[in-house]
Amino acid sequence: MTDIALRPPPEPSPLALAVARALDGRSLVLIGMMGAGKSSIGRRLAARMGLPFVDADTEIEAAAGMSIPDIFEEHGEDYFRAGEARVITRLLADGPRVVATGGGAFMNPGTRDLIADRSLSVWLNAELDVLLRRIRRRSDRPLLQTADPEATLAKLIAERYPVYAEADLTIQSREVPHDVIVEEIVAALAARLGVTRPGEPADRTVDQQAGPRCGSQSGPEAEKGPLS
């Protein structure tokens, strides 16, 4: 992304606030690969909508009292995934809020069903080259600690993208300012929820194709201790 992480968050907008009200207690769950921008975009989306933001990975680390790489190293992926499912269940018990999830969370059928029941899901879909540029800036990706990270990432994309496609909305994540993506998400949500821009006739909903790569599709605080 071309946005600067320390840039002040956007102010709530009338349309975004109307979308938040239309959620009727449901949360927004951002899904996608590592490097898709779920956390950085999620924070700005939450600010725009006047909602709290929570990062599921941060909650997992707080509950476990260790970092995600350490959880993988000491306990393995199965242990991590079980704890991840419990944390997401807890986070979705109250809403609305914006929740950024880890790349593998939506692959769990039980978690996927829970997300479908209690929230609207938004897939931030990024191309392989975009993801590679972003994740090479960081060294805390346990699943990419391999001799060929590009091949590993391509394999994960092949496995995960058909499942990610079950999300309620799909937004293309690419190298534009975060707030461009935020506005596309708000517009797509408004179209799906039948929310009109303030001052427009009630029978005119916001065009969900707010940007050239914005689309929607239909698809079927933390305490240390155990991951929960």
Foldseek 3Di string as FASTA:
>chain_A
DPADQPPDADAADPLLLLLQVLQVWFAEEEEEAVLLCLVSLQVNLCRNNVAAEDELQVQQCQAAVHHPLVCCVPPNDVLSLVLSLVSLLVVLVGDHHYYYYYHCNLVPVVSVVVCVVRHAYEYADEDLVSSVVRCVVDDRDNQQPDPDSSVSVVVSCVVPVVSSVQGFWYAYRDPDYSVVSSVLVSLLSQVVSQHPDPPDDSVDTRDSPPDPGTTGDHHPHHHYDRSD
